[in-house]
Protein backbone atom coordinates (compact mmCIF):
# COMPACT_ATOMS: atom_id res chain seq x y z
CA MET A 1 -18.84 10.60 -17.90
CA SER A 2 -16.86 10.45 -21.32
CA ALA A 3 -13.29 11.53 -21.99
CA LEU A 4 -10.76 10.39 -24.20
CA ILE A 5 -7.02 9.94 -23.26
CA THR A 6 -4.31 11.72 -24.77
CA PRO A 7 -0.81 9.17 -25.02
CA GLN A 8 0.71 11.31 -22.60
CA ASP A 9 -2.11 10.83 -19.95
CA ALA A 10 -1.64 6.89 -20.58
CA VAL A 11 1.74 7.18 -19.69
CA ALA A 12 0.93 9.14 -16.83
CA ALA A 13 -1.47 6.53 -16.16
CA VAL A 14 1.08 3.83 -16.53
CA ARG A 15 3.89 5.32 -14.22
CA SER A 16 1.42 5.90 -11.61
CA LYS A 17 -0.01 2.13 -11.75
CA ILE A 18 3.69 0.66 -12.05
CA GLU A 19 3.81 2.53 -8.68
CA GLN A 20 1.17 0.83 -7.35
CA LYS A 21 1.93 -2.99 -8.91
CA TRP A 22 5.46 -3.31 -9.86
CA ALA A 23 6.63 -5.36 -6.86
CA GLU A 24 3.61 -7.77 -7.65
CA ALA A 25 4.48 -8.15 -11.21
CA ALA A 26 8.24 -8.85 -10.29
CA CYS A 27 6.77 -11.70 -7.85
CA ALA A 28 4.43 -13.13 -10.58
CA GLU A 29 7.45 -13.65 -12.88
CA LEU A 30 9.00 -15.90 -10.22
CA GLY A 31 5.78 -17.61 -9.50
CA VAL A 32 4.36 -15.78 -7.03
CA GLY A 33 1.03 -13.85 -7.51
CA ASP A 34 -1.03 -14.36 -10.75
CA ARG A 35 0.65 -12.30 -13.45
CA VAL A 36 0.33 -8.67 -13.75
CA VAL A 37 -0.82 -6.07 -16.75
CA PHE A 38 -0.66 -2.48 -16.56
CA SER A 39 -4.00 -1.55 -18.55
CA VAL A 40 -5.65 2.19 -19.38
CA ARG A 41 -8.74 2.53 -20.76
CA LEU A 42 -8.36 5.13 -23.92
CA ARG A 43 -11.57 6.25 -24.16
CA PRO A 44 -13.87 5.25 -21.54
CA GLY A 45 -17.90 5.99 -22.26
CA VAL A 46 -17.13 6.72 -25.36
CA ARG A 47 -18.36 3.26 -27.94
CA THR A 48 -20.94 4.54 -29.92
CA GLY A 49 -21.43 7.15 -32.72
CA LYS A 50 -23.29 9.23 -30.95
CA ALA A 51 -20.89 9.38 -28.06
CA VAL A 52 -18.26 11.20 -30.65
CA GLU A 53 -21.26 13.74 -31.51
CA GLN A 54 -21.01 14.95 -28.09
CA LEU A 55 -17.44 15.17 -28.05
CA GLY A 56 -17.30 16.47 -31.50
CA HIS A 57 -15.64 14.69 -34.94
CA THR A 58 -12.63 17.85 -34.68
CA THR A 59 -11.75 16.08 -31.07
CA TRP A 60 -12.22 12.92 -32.20
CA HIS A 61 -9.98 12.88 -35.50
CA GLY A 62 -7.47 14.85 -33.19
CA TRP A 63 -7.36 12.32 -29.91
CA HIS A 64 -7.22 9.96 -32.97
CA MET A 65 -4.41 11.49 -35.50
CA GLN A 66 -2.26 11.20 -31.93
CA TRP A 67 -2.43 7.24 -31.17
CA ARG A 68 -1.87 6.97 -34.89
CA ASP A 69 1.23 8.92 -34.51
CA PHE A 70 2.30 7.01 -31.03
CA CYS A 71 1.10 3.59 -31.53
CA SER A 72 3.87 3.55 -34.67
CA ARG A 73 6.80 3.92 -31.93
CA LEU A 74 5.45 1.58 -29.32
CA PRO A 75 8.00 -0.48 -27.76
CA VAL A 76 8.05 -4.05 -27.17
CA GLY A 77 5.36 -5.60 -24.44
CA VAL A 78 2.85 -2.75 -24.89
CA GLU A 79 -0.19 -3.46 -27.33
CA VAL A 80 -3.04 -1.42 -27.74
CA VAL A 81 -6.31 -2.93 -28.19
CA ARG A 82 -8.96 -1.55 -30.74
CA THR A 83 -12.46 -2.11 -30.80
CA SER A 84 -15.12 -1.37 -33.50
CA VAL A 85 -17.56 2.14 -33.07
CA THR A 86 -19.73 3.07 -35.87
CA ILE A 87 -19.87 7.17 -36.99
CA ARG A 88 -22.13 8.08 -39.29
CA GLY A 89 -22.93 4.85 -40.48
CA VAL A 90 -19.45 3.89 -41.22
CA ALA A 91 -17.87 1.53 -38.25
CA GLY A 92 -13.89 1.75 -37.74
CA ASP A 93 -11.80 0.27 -35.17
CA PHE A 94 -10.42 2.82 -33.02
CA PRO A 95 -7.80 2.56 -29.53
CA ALA A 96 -9.67 1.18 -26.93
CA VAL A 97 -7.45 -0.21 -23.97
CA LEU A 98 -3.53 0.22 -23.73
CA ASN A 99 -1.93 -3.11 -22.07
CA ALA A 100 1.51 -3.61 -21.20
CA ASP A 101 3.87 -6.21 -19.64
CA LEU A 102 6.28 -4.41 -17.21
CA ASP A 103 9.15 -4.94 -19.13
CA GLY A 104 6.88 -3.02 -21.66
CA ALA A 105 5.55 -0.31 -18.97
CA ALA A 106 8.90 0.38 -17.79
CA GLU A 107 9.93 1.13 -21.33
CA LEU A 108 7.18 3.19 -22.45
CA ILE A 109 8.05 5.48 -19.06
CA ALA A 110 11.86 5.31 -19.91
CA ASP A 111 10.85 6.89 -23.59
CA THR A 112 9.25 9.26 -22.13
CA HIS A 113 11.28 10.19 -19.04
CA ASN A 114 12.04 13.44 -18.06
CA ASP A 115 13.66 14.97 -15.13
CA ALA A 116 10.92 16.26 -13.53
CA GLU A 117 9.53 12.65 -13.04
CA PRO A 118 12.80 10.12 -12.72
CA PRO A 119 11.40 6.22 -12.87
CA THR A 120 9.30 4.71 -10.33
CA VAL A 121 11.63 1.60 -9.83
CA GLU A 122 14.59 0.12 -11.60
CA ILE A 123 13.14 -3.08 -12.66
CA GLY A 124 16.69 -4.79 -13.14
CA ARG A 125 16.89 -4.27 -9.12
CA ALA A 126 13.64 -5.41 -8.46
CA ARG A 127 13.97 -8.42 -10.45
CA ALA A 128 16.95 -9.23 -8.98
CA LEU A 129 16.66 -8.71 -5.36
CA ALA A 130 13.60 -10.65 -5.86
CA SER A 131 15.49 -13.14 -7.82
CA THR A 132 17.94 -13.17 -4.05
CA LEU A 133 15.26 -13.58 -1.94
CA ARG A 134 14.03 -16.49 -3.49
CA SER A 135 17.52 -18.10 -4.20
CA ALA A 136 18.28 -18.02 -0.57
CA GLY A 137 15.45 -19.15 1.16
CA ALA A 138 13.31 -15.84 2.13
CA THR A 139 9.71 -16.17 1.57
CA LEU A 140 9.33 -13.65 -1.44
CA THR A 141 5.67 -12.05 -1.43
CA PRO A 142 5.11 -8.34 -3.19
CA ALA A 143 4.89 -6.60 0.59
CA THR A 144 8.68 -8.10 1.38
CA LEU A 145 10.04 -7.44 -1.86
CA ARG A 146 8.89 -3.82 -1.71
CA ALA A 147 10.65 -3.71 2.04
CA VAL A 148 13.20 -4.80 0.84
CA TYR A 149 13.80 -2.78 -2.36
CA GLY A 150 13.78 0.31 -0.10
CA LEU A 151 17.22 -1.09 1.70
CA PRO A 152 20.79 0.60 1.32
CA ALA A 153 22.42 -2.42 -0.57
CA ASN A 154 24.96 -3.19 2.65
CA ASP A 155 21.80 -4.11 4.44
CA VAL A 156 20.55 -5.95 1.44
CA ASP A 157 23.15 -8.07 2.53
CA VAL A 158 23.13 -8.14 5.99
CA LEU A 159 19.58 -9.18 5.35
CA ILE A 160 20.11 -11.72 2.89
CA ASN A 161 23.26 -13.61 5.57
CA ALA A 162 20.38 -13.62 8.22
CA VAL A 163 18.52 -15.57 5.89
CA THR A 164 20.85 -18.11 5.34
CA TRP A 165 21.98 -17.72 8.73
CA LEU A 166 18.87 -18.77 10.56
CA ARG A 167 18.40 -21.80 8.08
CA ARG A 168 21.13 -23.14 9.23
CA HIS A 169 20.22 -22.44 12.48
CA PRO A 170 16.83 -23.69 13.90
CA ASP A 171 17.51 -22.78 17.71
CA ALA A 172 19.12 -19.37 18.14
CA GLY A 173 18.19 -19.69 21.96
CA SER A 174 22.12 -19.66 22.25
CA TRP A 175 22.94 -16.14 22.20
CA THR A 176 21.49 -12.65 23.15
CA LEU A 177 20.27 -10.80 20.38
CA ARG A 178 23.43 -9.24 20.39
CA GLN A 179 25.66 -12.09 20.24
CA LEU A 180 24.09 -13.33 16.94
CA PRO A 181 26.87 -14.12 14.81
CA VAL A 182 25.67 -13.27 11.57
CA PRO A 183 28.35 -12.42 8.92
CA GLY A 184 27.92 -8.30 8.46
CA MET A 185 25.29 -7.67 10.95
CA HIS A 186 26.02 -5.17 13.82
CA THR A 187 25.12 -5.58 17.25
CA LYS A 188 21.56 -3.30 16.49
CA TRP A 189 21.13 -3.85 13.51
CA LEU A 190 17.89 -6.14 14.25
CA ASP A 191 16.53 -2.85 16.56
CA THR A 192 15.26 -1.62 12.75
CA HIS A 193 15.24 -4.61 10.54
CA GLY A 194 13.66 -7.58 12.42
CA ALA A 195 9.94 -7.38 12.05
CA LEU A 196 11.30 -7.69 8.00
CA LEU A 197 13.53 -10.38 8.90
CA ARG A 198 10.66 -11.99 10.62
CA ASP A 199 8.50 -11.31 7.22
CA VAL A 200 11.26 -13.52 5.54
CA THR A 201 11.92 -16.17 7.51
CA GLY A 202 8.46 -16.30 9.23
CA ARG A 203 10.35 -16.65 12.56
CA ASP A 204 11.24 -13.92 15.01
CA VAL A 205 14.59 -14.13 15.55
CA ARG A 206 13.94 -11.41 18.88
CA ASP A 207 12.02 -13.77 20.83
CA GLU A 208 13.80 -17.19 19.94
CA VAL A 209 17.13 -15.42 21.65
CA ARG A 210 18.55 -15.90 25.36
CA PRO A 211 16.66 -12.52 26.99
CA ARG A 212 19.11 -10.18 28.01
CA LEU A 213 19.32 -9.78 31.39
CA THR A 214 17.94 -6.27 33.17
CA VAL A 215 21.15 -4.99 34.96
CA MET A 216 19.71 -1.89 36.91
CA HIS A 217 22.57 0.95 38.23
CA LEU A 218 20.81 2.44 41.81
CA THR A 219 21.46 4.74 44.87
CA TYR A 220 20.47 4.53 48.14
CA VAL A 221 18.70 7.83 49.07
CA ASP A 222 17.59 6.72 52.79
CA PRO A 223 19.21 8.47 55.32
CA HIS A 224 19.12 5.94 58.09
CA HIS A 225 20.47 3.89 55.42
CA ALA A 226 23.14 5.76 54.81
CA ALA A 227 23.81 6.61 58.67
CA SER A 228 24.49 2.84 58.75
CA GLY A 229 28.14 2.77 56.77
CA ARG A 230 26.59 -0.19 54.14
CA ARG A 231 27.21 1.22 50.38
CA ARG A 232 25.36 4.11 48.87
CA HIS A 233 25.19 2.59 45.02
CA ASP A 234 24.57 -0.71 44.00
CA ALA A 235 23.03 -2.80 41.35
CA TRP A 236 20.77 -5.24 40.58
CA THR A 237 19.96 -7.65 37.94
CA THR A 238 17.46 -10.55 37.28
CA GLY A 239 17.41 -13.75 39.01
CA ASP A 240 20.50 -12.48 41.01
CA VAL A 241 20.41 -13.91 44.10
CA HIS A 242 21.78 -9.84 45.40
CA ASP A 243 18.55 -8.28 46.79
CA ILE A 244 18.46 -4.43 47.37
CA ALA A 245 19.48 -3.31 50.95
CA TYR A 246 15.19 -2.24 51.12
CA GLN A 247 12.23 -2.36 50.14
CA PRO A 248 11.73 1.33 49.22
CA ARG A 249 8.37 2.89 49.33
CA VAL A 250 9.69 5.54 46.55
CA VAL A 251 11.52 4.86 42.95
CA LEU A 252 12.61 7.42 41.73
CA VAL A 253 13.95 6.73 37.95
CA VAL A 254 16.41 9.81 36.81
CA GLU A 255 17.80 9.74 33.51
CA ASN A 256 21.67 11.05 34.23
CA ARG A 257 24.06 9.15 36.26
CA ASP A 258 25.14 12.32 38.15
CA SER A 259 21.37 12.91 39.29
CA ARG A 260 21.22 9.31 40.75
CA LEU A 261 24.80 9.37 41.93
CA TRP A 262 24.65 13.07 44.02
CA PHE A 263 20.35 13.11 44.85
CA PRO A 264 20.49 14.21 48.11
CA PRO A 265 18.34 11.69 51.14
CA VAL A 266 14.96 11.45 50.95
CA ARG A 267 12.93 8.69 53.40
CA GLU A 268 12.35 5.38 52.09
CA THR A 269 13.06 6.32 48.95
CA ILE A 270 15.81 4.53 45.68
CA VAL A 271 17.09 6.56 42.80
CA VAL A 272 17.55 4.46 39.67
CA GLU A 273 19.77 5.20 36.48
CA GLY A 274 16.76 4.67 33.64
CA GLY A 275 17.79 3.07 30.16
CA GLY A 276 16.71 6.13 28.24
CA LYS A 277 13.86 5.01 25.98
CA ALA A 278 14.65 1.35 27.57
CA ALA A 279 13.52 2.36 30.49
CA ALA A 280 10.12 0.95 30.59
CA ALA A 281 11.41 -2.23 29.11
CA LEU A 282 14.42 -2.80 32.06
CA LEU A 283 12.11 -1.76 34.65
CA ALA A 284 8.49 -2.55 34.22
CA ASN A 285 9.08 -6.08 35.55
CA VAL A 286 11.50 -5.19 38.44
CA PRO A 287 9.37 -6.37 41.82
CA TRP A 288 10.51 -3.62 44.18
CA VAL A 289 9.72 -1.31 41.50
CA ARG A 290 5.86 -2.55 41.28
CA SER A 291 5.49 -2.95 44.62
CA ALA A 292 6.46 0.52 45.68
CA ASP A 293 4.44 2.87 46.64
CA HIS A 294 5.42 6.00 44.68
CA VAL A 295 6.89 5.21 40.73
CA VAL A 296 7.98 8.75 39.68
CA TYR A 297 10.27 9.76 36.55
CA TRP A 298 12.54 12.29 36.25
CA GLY A 299 14.07 13.19 33.11
CA ASP A 300 15.45 16.05 30.69
CA ILE A 301 12.77 18.25 28.92
CA ASP A 302 12.99 17.70 25.29
CA ALA A 303 11.86 15.89 23.03
CA ASP A 304 13.20 12.05 23.84
CA GLY A 305 13.05 12.91 27.64
CA TYR A 306 8.97 13.03 27.35
CA ALA A 307 8.89 10.38 24.93
CA ILE A 308 10.40 7.85 27.30
CA LEU A 309 8.26 8.93 30.03
CA ASP A 310 5.35 8.79 27.76
CA HIS A 311 6.16 4.65 27.19
CA PHE A 312 7.05 4.24 30.34
CA ARG A 313 3.88 5.68 31.56
CA ALA A 314 1.77 3.51 29.22
CA THR A 315 3.84 0.50 29.87
CA LEU A 316 3.69 0.16 33.85
CA ALA A 317 -0.21 1.04 33.52
CA LEU A 318 -0.50 -2.41 32.70
CA PRO A 319 -0.10 -5.35 34.74
CA ALA A 320 2.96 -7.42 34.99
CA PRO A 321 3.54 -10.75 33.18
CA ASN A 322 4.29 -12.31 36.19
CA GLY A 323 0.69 -10.79 37.75
CA ALA A 324 2.11 -7.65 39.46
CA PRO A 325 -0.59 -4.86 39.28
CA ALA A 326 -0.33 -1.19 36.94
CA LYS A 327 1.33 1.42 38.41
CA HIS A 328 0.66 4.69 37.79
CA VAL A 329 4.04 7.15 37.21
CA THR A 330 4.33 10.40 38.42
CA SER A 331 6.53 13.12 36.64
CA ILE A 332 8.85 16.03 38.50
CA LEU A 333 10.08 18.83 36.92
CA MET A 334 8.53 18.66 33.57
CA GLU A 335 5.58 20.22 33.27
CA VAL A 336 5.40 24.03 31.48
CA THR A 337 5.57 25.66 34.21
CA ASP A 338 9.13 24.20 34.89
CA LEU A 339 9.73 24.64 31.09
CA HIS A 340 10.05 28.23 31.74
CA HIS A 341 11.25 28.63 35.13
CA TYR A 342 14.72 26.72 33.88
CA SER A 343 14.15 29.22 30.55
CA LEU A 344 17.14 30.44 31.09
CA HIS A 345 19.22 27.05 30.75
CA GLY A 346 17.25 26.03 27.10
CA VAL A 347 19.84 24.30 24.80
CA ASN A 348 19.45 24.20 21.12
CA HIS A 349 22.18 21.98 19.86
CA ASP A 350 23.08 18.94 20.93
CA LYS A 351 26.17 18.01 22.11
CA ALA A 352 27.86 17.68 19.04
CA GLY A 353 27.00 20.86 18.41
CA ARG A 354 24.26 20.03 15.83
CA PRO A 355 20.91 21.20 15.65
CA ILE A 356 18.41 19.16 17.95
CA LYS A 357 15.57 18.36 15.84
CA PRO A 358 11.48 18.47 16.14
CA SER A 359 9.57 15.99 16.73
CA ARG A 360 6.27 14.03 15.28
CA GLU A 361 5.22 11.66 17.45
CA LEU A 362 2.57 11.80 19.51
CA LEU A 363 2.76 11.13 23.15
CA PRO A 364 -0.38 10.16 23.98
CA HIS A 365 0.07 9.23 27.89
CA LEU A 366 1.55 12.66 28.78
CA THR A 367 -0.70 14.88 31.45
CA GLU A 368 -1.91 18.60 29.85
CA ALA A 369 0.58 20.20 31.48
CA GLU A 370 3.79 17.61 29.95
CA ALA A 371 1.80 17.53 27.14
CA LEU A 372 1.80 21.32 26.23
CA ALA A 373 5.87 21.81 27.09
CA TYR A 374 6.17 18.83 24.75
CA ALA A 375 4.34 20.75 21.93
CA THR A 376 6.89 23.98 22.88
CA ILE A 377 10.43 21.73 22.73
CA ALA A 378 8.86 19.99 20.03
CA THR A 379 7.10 22.45 17.45
CA ALA A 380 8.49 22.42 14.21
CA GLY A 381 7.49 25.79 14.13
CA PRO A 382 10.20 28.56 16.10
CA THR A 383 10.53 27.89 19.45
CA PRO A 384 13.68 29.80 21.89
CA PHE A 385 15.03 26.13 22.75
CA ARG A 386 14.47 22.31 22.63
CA ARG A 387 16.24 21.04 25.31
CA ILE A 388 16.70 21.61 29.94
CA GLU A 389 19.10 18.70 30.67
CA GLN A 390 18.38 17.45 33.59
CA GLU A 391 21.98 17.87 35.72
CA VAL A 392 21.12 22.32 35.13
CA ILE A 393 18.32 22.32 37.68
CA PRO A 394 19.23 22.13 41.52
CA PHE A 395 18.53 19.00 43.52
CA THR A 396 17.03 20.79 46.02
CA HIS A 397 14.22 21.77 43.79
CA ALA A 398 13.99 18.05 42.88
CA VAL A 399 13.83 17.07 46.40
CA THR A 400 10.76 19.80 46.83
CA GLN A 401 8.86 18.25 43.99
CA LEU A 402 8.98 14.57 44.88
CA LEU A 403 8.03 15.45 48.49
CA ARG A 404 5.18 17.56 47.21
CA VAL A 405 4.37 14.48 44.81
CA LEU A 406 4.33 12.33 47.87
CA LYS A 407 2.19 13.92 50.07
CA GLY A 408 -0.12 14.65 47.86
CA GLN A 409 0.42 18.01 46.26
CA GLY A 410 1.51 17.11 42.63
CA SER A 411 -0.02 17.56 39.40
CA ASP A 412 -3.54 15.31 39.01
CA PRO A 413 -3.02 11.58 37.86
CA TRP A 414 -2.52 10.83 34.66
CA ARG A 415 -5.97 10.31 32.33
CA PRO A 416 -6.13 10.23 28.81
CA ARG A 417 -6.33 13.53 27.02
CA PRO A 418 -9.74 13.38 25.01
CA SER A 419 -9.04 13.45 20.84
CA SER A 420 -8.68 16.79 19.31
């Protein structure tokens, strides 16, 4: 197919190529990878006089004049390569390819800049980041440079500090993840940036640090235990010598402290206070949770509640590292009928008065009834409310639903829903 590329089209093509290859070009300047040239063919398929005649001599002449004017003001680092075309028996050199190095491509775009299309990348900052990463001993690749470029300045400083600190400390096993004494690093920085730190250092410090022990707060709700006069509220820590008061047949995981502290009596049951989105990691390897006959989850009817349920169910569906078998997780009071039944308590704002946002997270481990409720409260479209908090639901209703599950009268066990 024949085509003539105008100077404006060529600049747009260079802009697109910079978006794709700026990181490769910046790395190549420091010896990482091959040199990058931003090239645009200016007349693909037009190599002969016959092709020119098909386009029309008026079209060809107008195109050539545009390029003659444009070539008179090319910035340094940009060149237009010409090749010969014989038209009506007369040979002449005409623009064929525009080539630009990184500086030239950036200046070319800047010279034709408009407010609707700001520059793709600040080349000076990209080069400075690449140089800083290399000087700190970080692994410099186009992927890592692109990722670091997207960080705020303070996070870049923390990343470089972390690279330097790890180089001086070949063993991070004396600290937990939250204890690492990296200058400027807050305790949850690695939750977001741990993978990037791994990519630029070749070490996953998240696997090196001392593991954080699981600490669970729980309430014994078995009436026979309560009648013994022994403590009702307890805590269990991984690796400690303390045992729980009795092996539960039922473990009910709740999200809110009041729901744990005041849950009514249910035989052979322990109520555990979950850790929000960390619930799966906290509870998945606890032996007496895995060995219970029933593991039940009850959370808020909101996007976070369903995300916790989905992750918890997926995690316990796999055997534990210590060989403990997979465990099915049932939910209570989180189906679409519950959403409608307790709609009077639905809210649209969080505790700070901010509107609760919708969620686009895919949750493949929900039942049909749970998924419908999730879709209702998490939709990006209009919805009556986005949250029903666990605490507003009467305990008597929770006990009734729990007993129905234990008697096998609850919802069908989870199974993967067919993909649409």
